[in-house]
Amino acid sequence: MFQRGTEPSAKVLTSILLTYEDISAEWLLRGKGQMLLSEVTPDPNIEQMKRLVDTITTLQGIITEQTKTNQLLTEELKKAKGELTMLKNERNVG
């Protein structure tokens, strides 16, 4: 395709990359990495990170719900203590 000792122009390289979308530009320009993009294996850490983010999101939701429950129970406890104090005072007065 090319004569020995010549370099393809940027126009030719761009044309190749636009025509063959699965060819890696890094491979074509530098000769490094996989020739085809579909051959590039995904980073296994990405899946693990996605699972961790999902777990964190779920746990944040649980923490939020438990915080609301704790606040309600604290309010009920204060109310019950106040009522108990009132009953003790009524018993002592009567």
N, C-alpha and C. Protein backbone atom coordinates (compact mmCIF):
# COMPACT_ATOMS: atom_id res chain seq x y z
N MET A 1 0.83 -1.19 0.00
CA MET A 1 0.00 0.00 0.00
C MET A 1 0.87 1.26 0.00
N PHE A 2 1.90 1.28 0.88
CA PHE A 2 2.78 2.43 0.95
C PHE A 2 4.13 2.05 0.37
N GLN A 3 4.77 3.02 -0.23
CA GLN A 3 6.12 2.76 -0.73
C GLN A 3 7.08 2.71 0.45
N ARG A 4 8.08 1.90 0.29
CA ARG A 4 9.06 1.75 1.36
C ARG A 4 9.70 3.10 1.68
N GLY A 5 9.75 3.42 2.99
CA GLY A 5 10.38 4.66 3.42
C GLY A 5 9.44 5.85 3.45
N THR A 6 8.19 5.66 3.12
CA THR A 6 7.25 6.79 3.18
C THR A 6 6.34 6.62 4.38
N GLU A 7 5.84 7.71 4.84
CA GLU A 7 4.92 7.72 5.99
C GLU A 7 3.54 8.12 5.50
N PRO A 8 2.50 7.49 6.03
CA PRO A 8 1.15 7.88 5.63
C PRO A 8 0.81 9.27 6.18
N SER A 9 0.03 10.02 5.44
CA SER A 9 -0.35 11.36 5.88
C SER A 9 -1.42 11.26 6.96
N ALA A 10 -1.61 12.36 7.64
CA ALA A 10 -2.65 12.43 8.67
C ALA A 10 -4.02 12.16 8.05
N LYS A 11 -4.21 12.60 6.81
CA LYS A 11 -5.48 12.38 6.12
C LYS A 11 -5.73 10.89 5.91
N VAL A 12 -4.68 10.15 5.53
CA VAL A 12 -4.81 8.71 5.32
C VAL A 12 -5.10 8.01 6.65
N LEU A 13 -4.36 8.39 7.68
CA LEU A 13 -4.57 7.78 8.99
C LEU A 13 -5.99 8.05 9.51
N THR A 14 -6.44 9.29 9.37
CA THR A 14 -7.80 9.64 9.80
C THR A 14 -8.82 8.85 9.01
N SER A 15 -8.60 8.71 7.72
CA SER A 15 -9.51 7.95 6.87
C SER A 15 -9.59 6.49 7.33
N ILE A 16 -8.45 5.91 7.67
CA ILE A 16 -8.42 4.52 8.15
C ILE A 16 -9.23 4.40 9.44
N LEU A 17 -8.99 5.33 10.38
CA LEU A 17 -9.67 5.27 11.67
C LEU A 17 -11.17 5.50 11.54
N LEU A 18 -11.57 6.36 10.60
CA LEU A 18 -13.00 6.60 10.39
C LEU A 18 -13.68 5.43 9.69
N THR A 19 -12.96 4.79 8.80
CA THR A 19 -13.52 3.66 8.06
C THR A 19 -13.58 2.41 8.91
N TYR A 20 -12.53 2.16 9.66
CA TYR A 20 -12.44 0.96 10.50
C TYR A 20 -12.47 1.39 11.97
N GLU A 21 -13.68 1.60 12.48
CA GLU A 21 -13.85 2.17 13.82
C GLU A 21 -13.32 1.27 14.94
N ASP A 22 -13.11 -0.01 14.66
CA ASP A 22 -12.64 -0.93 15.69
C ASP A 22 -11.11 -0.93 15.81
N ILE A 23 -10.42 -0.20 14.93
CA ILE A 23 -8.96 -0.14 15.00
C ILE A 23 -8.55 0.90 16.04
N SER A 24 -7.62 0.52 16.88
CA SER A 24 -7.13 1.40 17.93
C SER A 24 -6.20 2.46 17.33
N ALA A 25 -6.49 3.72 17.62
CA ALA A 25 -5.63 4.81 17.14
C ALA A 25 -4.24 4.68 17.75
N GLU A 26 -4.16 4.27 19.01
CA GLU A 26 -2.86 4.08 19.67
C GLU A 26 -2.02 3.04 18.93
N TRP A 27 -2.66 1.96 18.53
CA TRP A 27 -1.95 0.91 17.80
C TRP A 27 -1.51 1.40 16.42
N LEU A 28 -2.43 2.09 15.72
CA LEU A 28 -2.14 2.55 14.37
C LEU A 28 -1.02 3.60 14.36
N LEU A 29 -1.04 4.52 15.31
CA LEU A 29 -0.06 5.61 15.31
C LEU A 29 1.26 5.24 15.98
N ARG A 30 1.19 4.43 17.04
CA ARG A 30 2.40 4.15 17.82
C ARG A 30 2.81 2.69 17.81
N GLY A 31 1.90 1.83 17.35
CA GLY A 31 2.20 0.41 17.35
C GLY A 31 2.14 -0.21 18.73
N LYS A 32 1.41 0.43 19.65
CA LYS A 32 1.32 -0.05 21.03
C LYS A 32 -0.11 -0.48 21.35
N GLY A 33 -0.22 -1.48 22.20
CA GLY A 33 -1.53 -1.94 22.62
C GLY A 33 -2.14 -2.91 21.62
N GLN A 34 -3.40 -3.17 21.80
CA GLN A 34 -4.14 -4.09 20.94
C GLN A 34 -4.52 -3.40 19.63
N MET A 35 -4.53 -4.14 18.54
CA MET A 35 -4.90 -3.58 17.25
C MET A 35 -6.39 -3.23 17.22
N LEU A 36 -7.22 -4.12 17.74
CA LEU A 36 -8.66 -3.90 17.71
C LEU A 36 -9.16 -3.47 19.08
N LEU A 37 -10.05 -2.48 19.08
CA LEU A 37 -10.60 -2.00 20.34
C LEU A 37 -11.39 -3.09 21.04
N SER A 38 -12.03 -3.97 20.30
CA SER A 38 -12.82 -5.03 20.92
C SER A 38 -11.93 -6.04 21.65
N GLU A 39 -10.64 -6.06 21.36
CA GLU A 39 -9.72 -6.96 22.03
C GLU A 39 -9.27 -6.43 23.38
N VAL A 40 -9.53 -5.14 23.63
CA VAL A 40 -9.10 -4.54 24.88
C VAL A 40 -9.98 -5.10 25.99
N THR A 41 -9.35 -5.70 26.98
CA THR A 41 -10.11 -6.28 28.08
C THR A 41 -10.44 -5.19 29.09
N PRO A 42 -11.67 -5.20 29.60
CA PRO A 42 -12.04 -4.19 30.57
C PRO A 42 -11.28 -4.39 31.89
N ASP A 43 -11.05 -3.32 32.56
CA ASP A 43 -10.36 -3.35 33.85
C ASP A 43 -11.27 -4.05 34.86
N PRO A 44 -10.81 -5.17 35.44
CA PRO A 44 -11.67 -5.89 36.39
C PRO A 44 -11.99 -5.05 37.62
N ASN A 45 -11.18 -4.07 37.91
CA ASN A 45 -11.45 -3.21 39.07
C ASN A 45 -12.67 -2.34 38.86
N ILE A 46 -13.01 -2.05 37.61
CA ILE A 46 -14.17 -1.20 37.33
C ILE A 46 -15.44 -1.87 37.84
N GLU A 47 -15.60 -3.17 37.56
CA GLU A 47 -16.79 -3.89 38.03
C GLU A 47 -16.82 -3.92 39.56
N GLN A 48 -15.68 -4.14 40.16
CA GLN A 48 -15.61 -4.18 41.62
C GLN A 48 -15.97 -2.81 42.19
N MET A 49 -15.49 -1.75 41.55
CA MET A 49 -15.81 -0.40 42.01
C MET A 49 -17.30 -0.11 41.87
N LYS A 50 -17.91 -0.56 40.77
CA LYS A 50 -19.35 -0.36 40.58
C LYS A 50 -20.13 -1.07 41.68
N ARG A 51 -19.71 -2.31 42.01
CA ARG A 51 -20.40 -3.04 43.08
C ARG A 51 -20.23 -2.33 44.42
N LEU A 52 -19.03 -1.79 44.67
CA LEU A 52 -18.80 -1.06 45.91
C LEU A 52 -19.66 0.20 45.99
N VAL A 53 -19.78 0.91 44.89
CA VAL A 53 -20.61 2.11 44.86
C VAL A 53 -22.07 1.74 45.14
N ASP A 54 -22.55 0.64 44.53
CA ASP A 54 -23.91 0.19 44.78
C ASP A 54 -24.11 -0.17 46.24
N THR A 55 -23.13 -0.86 46.82
CA THR A 55 -23.21 -1.24 48.23
C THR A 55 -23.23 -0.01 49.12
N ILE A 56 -22.37 0.95 48.83
CA ILE A 56 -22.32 2.18 49.63
C ILE A 56 -23.64 2.92 49.54
N THR A 57 -24.21 3.00 48.34
CA THR A 57 -25.48 3.69 48.16
C THR A 57 -26.57 3.01 48.97
N THR A 58 -26.61 1.68 48.93
CA THR A 58 -27.60 0.93 49.70
C THR A 58 -27.41 1.18 51.20
N LEU A 59 -26.17 1.12 51.65
CA LEU A 59 -25.90 1.32 53.08
C LEU A 59 -26.24 2.74 53.52
N GLN A 60 -26.02 3.72 52.65
CA GLN A 60 -26.38 5.10 52.99
C GLN A 60 -27.88 5.22 53.19
N GLY A 61 -28.65 4.54 52.33
CA GLY A 61 -30.10 4.54 52.47
C GLY A 61 -30.53 3.91 53.79
N ILE A 62 -29.90 2.79 54.15
CA ILE A 62 -30.21 2.11 55.41
C ILE A 62 -29.87 3.00 56.59
N ILE A 63 -28.72 3.65 56.54
CA ILE A 63 -28.29 4.53 57.63
C ILE A 63 -29.28 5.69 57.78
N THR A 64 -29.72 6.25 56.68
CA THR A 64 -30.68 7.35 56.72
C THR A 64 -31.98 6.90 57.38
N GLU A 65 -32.49 5.74 56.99
CA GLU A 65 -33.73 5.22 57.59
C GLU A 65 -33.55 4.94 59.07
N GLN A 66 -32.41 4.38 59.45
CA GLN A 66 -32.17 4.08 60.86
C GLN A 66 -32.02 5.35 61.68
N THR A 67 -31.44 6.38 61.09
CA THR A 67 -31.32 7.67 61.77
C THR A 67 -32.70 8.25 62.04
N LYS A 68 -33.59 8.17 61.05
CA LYS A 68 -34.97 8.66 61.24
C LYS A 68 -35.67 7.89 62.34
N THR A 69 -35.51 6.56 62.34
CA THR A 69 -36.12 5.71 63.37
C THR A 69 -35.57 6.07 64.74
N ASN A 70 -34.26 6.28 64.86
CA ASN A 70 -33.66 6.66 66.14
C ASN A 70 -34.20 7.98 66.64
N GLN A 71 -34.39 8.94 65.72
CA GLN A 71 -34.93 10.24 66.12
C GLN A 71 -36.35 10.10 66.65
N LEU A 72 -37.17 9.29 65.96
CA LEU A 72 -38.55 9.08 66.42
C LEU A 72 -38.58 8.40 67.79
N LEU A 73 -37.74 7.38 67.96
CA LEU A 73 -37.70 6.67 69.24
C LEU A 73 -37.19 7.57 70.37
N THR A 74 -36.24 8.44 70.07
CA THR A 74 -35.73 9.38 71.07
C THR A 74 -36.84 10.34 71.50
N GLU A 75 -37.63 10.82 70.53
CA GLU A 75 -38.74 11.71 70.85
C GLU A 75 -39.79 10.99 71.70
N GLU A 76 -40.10 9.74 71.36
CA GLU A 76 -41.07 8.96 72.13
C GLU A 76 -40.56 8.70 73.55
N LEU A 77 -39.27 8.43 73.68
CA LEU A 77 -38.68 8.20 75.00
C LEU A 77 -38.77 9.45 75.86
N LYS A 78 -38.47 10.61 75.29
CA LYS A 78 -38.58 11.87 76.03
C LYS A 78 -40.01 12.11 76.49
N LYS A 79 -40.95 11.83 75.58
CA LYS A 79 -42.37 12.00 75.90
C LYS A 79 -42.77 11.06 77.04
N ALA A 80 -42.33 9.81 76.96
CA ALA A 80 -42.66 8.82 77.99
C ALA A 80 -42.05 9.21 79.33
N LYS A 81 -40.81 9.70 79.33
CA LYS A 81 -40.17 10.14 80.57
C LYS A 81 -40.93 11.32 81.18
N GLY A 82 -41.38 12.23 80.32
CA GLY A 82 -42.15 13.37 80.81
C GLY A 82 -43.46 12.92 81.43
N GLU A 83 -44.15 11.96 80.80
CA GLU A 83 -45.39 11.44 81.34
C GLU A 83 -45.16 10.71 82.65
N LEU A 84 -44.08 9.94 82.75
CA LEU A 84 -43.75 9.22 83.97
C LEU A 84 -43.47 10.19 85.11
N THR A 85 -42.75 11.26 84.80
CA THR A 85 -42.47 12.28 85.82
C THR A 85 -43.77 12.91 86.30
N MET A 86 -44.68 13.19 85.34
CA MET A 86 -45.98 13.76 85.72
C MET A 86 -46.75 12.82 86.62
N LEU A 87 -46.77 11.54 86.31
CA LEU A 87 -47.49 10.55 87.13
C LEU A 87 -46.89 10.45 88.52
N LYS A 88 -45.57 10.48 88.62
CA LYS A 88 -44.91 10.43 89.93
C LYS A 88 -45.28 11.66 90.74
N ASN A 89 -45.31 12.81 90.08
CA ASN A 89 -45.65 14.07 90.79
C ASN A 89 -47.08 14.03 91.27
N GLU A 90 -48.01 13.49 90.44
CA GLU A 90 -49.42 13.40 90.84
C GLU A 90 -49.59 12.47 92.03
N ARG A 91 -48.83 11.37 92.04
CA ARG A 91 -48.93 10.39 93.13
C ARG A 91 -48.42 11.03 94.44
N ASN A 92 -47.34 11.82 94.32
CA ASN A 92 -46.78 12.45 95.52
C ASN A 92 -47.68 13.56 96.06
N VAL A 93 -48.40 14.22 95.18
CA VAL A 93 -49.29 15.32 95.59
C VAL A 93 -50.55 14.75 96.24
N GLY A 94 -51.09 13.68 95.67
CA GLY A 94 -52.37 13.12 96.09
C GLY A 94 -52.32 12.31 97.30
